[in-house]
Amino acid sequence: MIGADHFDDGTVPSDDLDDDSGDGMSVWDAADIWASKGKDPDYTFGFSEDELQQAHDED
């Protein structure tokens, strides 16, 4: 199958976000969104609530 979720050779791209890759959301951006949503656990973007709170407090 070829499409948005498959490469031409049929392999599927990885869902893993590598912290060193430069891809994905920063903890500070995630903390801003998380706080604006009332600290809803559905908006942690893979970070722990402790990480988000610390980043939010630094801002």
C-alpha atoms as a PDB file:
ATOM      1  CA  MET A   1       0.000   0.000   0.000  1.00  0.00           C
ATOM      2  CA  ILE A   2       1.296   3.478  -0.846  1.00  0.00           C
ATOM      3  CA  GLY A   3      -0.086   6.600   0.773  1.00  0.00           C
ATOM      4  CA  ALA A   4       0.434   9.183   3.441  1.00  0.00           C
ATOM      5  CA  ASP A   5       1.138   6.500   6.034  1.00  0.00           C
ATOM      6  CA  HIS A   6       3.450   4.320   3.890  1.00  0.00           C
ATOM      7  CA  PHE A   7       6.671   4.811   1.958  1.00  0.00           C
ATOM      8  CA  ASP A   8       6.992   3.734  -1.687  1.00  0.00           C
ATOM      9  CA  ASP A   9       8.711   0.514  -0.600  1.00  0.00           C
ATOM     10  CA  GLY A  10       5.716  -0.421   1.598  1.00  0.00           C
ATOM     11  CA  THR A  11       7.355   0.309   4.932  1.00  0.00           C
ATOM     12  CA  VAL A  12       5.572   2.389   7.544  1.00  0.00           C
ATOM     13  CA  PRO A  13       7.246   5.474   9.052  1.00  0.00           C
ATOM     14  CA  SER A  14       8.054   5.318  12.758  1.00  0.00           C
ATOM     15  CA  ASP A  15       5.738   7.054  15.236  1.00  0.00           C
ATOM     16  CA  ASP A  16       8.598   7.503  17.710  1.00  0.00           C
ATOM     17  CA  LEU A  17       9.640  11.079  18.379  1.00  0.00           C
ATOM     18  CA  ASP A  18      13.377  11.314  18.875  1.00  0.00           C
ATOM     19  CA  ASP A  19      14.262  14.165  21.221  1.00  0.00           C
ATOM     20  CA  ASP A  20      17.442  14.826  19.230  1.00  0.00           C
ATOM     21  CA  SER A  21      15.788  14.882  15.818  1.00  0.00           C
ATOM     22  CA  GLY A  22      14.471  18.433  16.007  1.00  0.00           C
ATOM     23  CA  ASP A  23      11.038  17.119  15.077  1.00  0.00           C
ATOM     24  CA  GLY A  24       8.042  17.344  17.334  1.00  0.00           C
ATOM     25  CA  MET A  25       6.944  19.812  19.938  1.00  0.00           C
ATOM     26  CA  SER A  26       9.131  21.364  22.598  1.00  0.00           C
ATOM     27  CA  VAL A  27       8.208  20.842  26.222  1.00  0.00           C
ATOM     28  CA  TRP A  28       7.626  24.609  26.544  1.00  0.00           C
ATOM     29  CA  ASP A  29       5.168  24.700  23.635  1.00  0.00           C
ATOM     30  CA  ALA A  30       3.436  21.614  24.993  1.00  0.00           C
ATOM     31  CA  ALA A  31       3.265  23.208  28.458  1.00  0.00           C
ATOM     32  CA  ASP A  32       1.629  26.328  27.046  1.00  0.00           C
ATOM     33  CA  ILE A  33      -1.041  24.279  25.292  1.00  0.00           C
ATOM     34  CA  TRP A  34      -1.511  21.948  28.276  1.00  0.00           C
ATOM     35  CA  ALA A  35      -1.986  24.912  30.647  1.00  0.00           C
ATOM     36  CA  SER A  36      -4.369  26.667  28.238  1.00  0.00           C
ATOM     37  CA  LYS A  37      -6.516  23.522  28.176  1.00  0.00           C
ATOM     38  CA  GLY A  38      -6.878  23.517  31.971  1.00  0.00           C
ATOM     39  CA  LYS A  39      -4.015  21.019  32.459  1.00  0.00           C
ATOM     40  CA  ASP A  40      -6.100  18.347  30.749  1.00  0.00           C
ATOM     41  CA  PRO A  41      -4.205  15.018  30.673  1.00  0.00           C
ATOM     42  CA  ASP A  42      -5.304  14.562  27.046  1.00  0.00           C
ATOM     43  CA  TYR A  43      -2.960  17.425  26.082  1.00  0.00           C
ATOM     44  CA  THR A  44       0.373  16.228  27.478  1.00  0.00           C
ATOM     45  CA  PHE A  45       1.881  15.410  24.045  1.00  0.00           C
ATOM     46  CA  GLY A  46       3.934  12.563  25.488  1.00  0.00           C
ATOM     47  CA  PHE A  47       5.430  14.591  28.336  1.00  0.00           C
ATOM     48  CA  SER A  48       4.771  13.889  31.995  1.00  0.00           C
ATOM     49  CA  GLU A  49       2.633  16.363  33.905  1.00  0.00           C
ATOM     50  CA  ASP A  50       5.680  17.083  36.108  1.00  0.00           C
ATOM     51  CA  GLU A  51       7.755  17.992  33.024  1.00  0.00           C
ATOM     52  CA  LEU A  52       4.976  20.217  31.741  1.00  0.00           C
ATOM     53  CA  GLN A  53       4.492  21.933  35.087  1.00  0.00           C
ATOM     54  CA  GLN A  54       8.228  22.607  35.393  1.00  0.00           C
ATOM     55  CA  ALA A  55       8.377  24.065  31.857  1.00  0.00           C
ATOM     56  CA  HIS A  56       5.259  26.137  32.562  1.00  0.00           C
ATOM     57  CA  ASP A  57       6.791  27.486  35.782  1.00  0.00           C
ATOM     58  CA  GLU A  58       9.973  28.482  33.899  1.00  0.00           C
ATOM     59  CA  ASP A  59       8.018  30.646  31.455  1.00  0.00           C
END
